[in-house]
Protein backbone atom coordinates (compact mmCIF):
# COMPACT_ATOMS: atom_id res chain seq x y z
CA UNK A 1 113.84 96.02 91.05
CA UNK A 2 117.22 96.24 91.99
CA UNK A 3 119.76 98.53 90.42
CA UNK A 4 121.93 95.76 89.19
CA UNK A 5 119.72 94.26 86.68
CA UNK A 6 121.61 93.19 83.79
CA UNK A 7 119.24 92.52 80.72
CA UNK A 8 121.64 90.05 79.38
CA UNK A 9 122.03 88.21 82.42
CA UNK A 10 125.90 87.50 82.51
CA UNK A 11 127.23 91.16 81.52
CA UNK A 12 128.30 93.98 83.72
CA UNK A 13 126.02 95.55 85.92
CA UNK A 14 124.97 99.23 85.46
CA UNK A 15 127.20 100.29 88.46
CA UNK A 16 130.04 98.32 86.99
CA UNK A 17 129.58 100.15 83.44
CA UNK A 18 129.23 103.36 85.33
CA UNK A 19 132.56 102.95 87.20
CA UNK A 20 134.24 102.02 83.78
CA UNK A 21 132.93 105.13 81.92
CA UNK A 22 134.27 107.19 84.89
CA UNK A 23 137.53 105.50 84.85
CA UNK A 24 137.65 106.24 81.26
CA UNK A 25 136.79 109.91 81.49
CA UNK A 26 139.36 110.15 84.23
CA UNK A 27 141.85 108.88 81.85
CA UNK A 28 141.14 111.12 79.15
CA UNK A 29 140.93 113.93 81.31
CA UNK A 30 144.70 112.98 82.42
CA UNK A 31 145.65 113.03 78.95
CA UNK A 32 143.96 116.28 77.94
CA UNK A 33 145.76 118.00 80.83
CA UNK A 34 148.71 116.39 79.91
CA UNK A 35 148.63 117.99 76.33
CA UNK A 36 147.66 121.50 77.45
CA UNK A 37 150.79 121.29 79.82
CA UNK A 38 153.04 120.00 77.35
CA UNK A 39 151.87 121.46 73.90
CA UNK A 40 149.52 124.24 74.12
CA UNK A 41 150.79 126.12 77.36
CA UNK A 42 154.06 126.38 76.12
CA UNK A 43 153.01 127.53 72.32
CA UNK A 44 150.86 130.19 74.07
CA UNK A 45 154.07 131.34 76.01
CA UNK A 46 156.14 131.79 72.96
CA UNK A 47 153.37 133.62 70.79
CA UNK A 48 152.86 135.75 73.72
CA UNK A 49 156.65 136.71 74.00
CA UNK A 50 156.57 137.35 70.33
CA UNK A 51 153.19 139.84 70.59
CA UNK A 52 154.69 141.49 73.38
CA UNK A 53 158.05 142.35 71.45
CA UNK A 54 155.89 143.50 68.56
CA UNK A 55 153.45 145.80 70.65
CA UNK A 56 156.92 147.16 72.47
CA UNK A 57 158.67 147.69 69.18
CA UNK A 58 155.53 149.74 67.64
CA UNK A 59 155.06 151.59 70.74
CA UNK A 60 158.90 152.42 70.50
CA UNK A 61 158.35 153.44 66.88
CA UNK A 62 155.53 155.68 67.83
CA UNK A 63 157.32 157.31 70.77
CA UNK A 64 159.96 158.23 68.22
CA UNK A 65 157.78 159.62 65.97
CA UNK A 66 156.02 161.83 68.55
CA UNK A 67 159.73 162.73 69.61
CA UNK A 68 160.32 163.77 66.10
CA UNK A 69 157.17 165.70 65.69
CA UNK A 70 157.93 167.63 69.06
CA UNK A 71 161.52 168.51 67.98
CA UNK A 72 160.14 169.53 64.56
CA UNK A 73 157.64 171.99 65.82
CA UNK A 74 159.70 173.33 68.54
CA UNK A 75 162.24 174.30 66.01
CA UNK A 76 165.97 175.22 66.43
CA UNK A 77 166.16 176.87 69.58
CA UNK A 78 169.04 177.04 72.42
CA UNK A 79 167.89 175.17 75.84
CA UNK A 80 170.03 175.12 78.63
CA UNK A 81 168.64 171.88 79.62
CA UNK A 82 168.54 169.99 76.43
CA UNK A 83 171.12 167.50 77.63
CA UNK A 84 168.95 166.71 80.81
CA UNK A 85 166.90 163.91 81.22
CA UNK A 86 163.07 164.69 80.82
CA UNK A 87 160.90 165.07 83.71
CA UNK A 88 158.21 162.99 84.95
CA UNK A 89 155.65 164.54 82.50
CA UNK A 90 158.05 163.90 79.41
CA UNK A 91 158.93 167.47 79.21
CA UNK A 92 162.65 168.64 79.64
CA UNK A 93 163.16 170.06 82.77
CA UNK A 94 163.41 173.39 83.52
């Protein structure tokens, strides 16, 4: 029995049908890749940028609250290094 057997006699062979199916699959994959590149990736980038900005704002607010609590707990005191930038650990330089 040959692999080119066609039950109807005049239709495409199994090999030809497989080749057609492969071509259709490749075409669909090209369309899917194009859609992902043209629509999905730009949308993900936009949403990621927005999420990172929201996270940055939240972290900034949290840092402000920590700073306010730290200043409130320290109370009013005279610190000669008050105007200097904080050290690497976040504490004022001595």
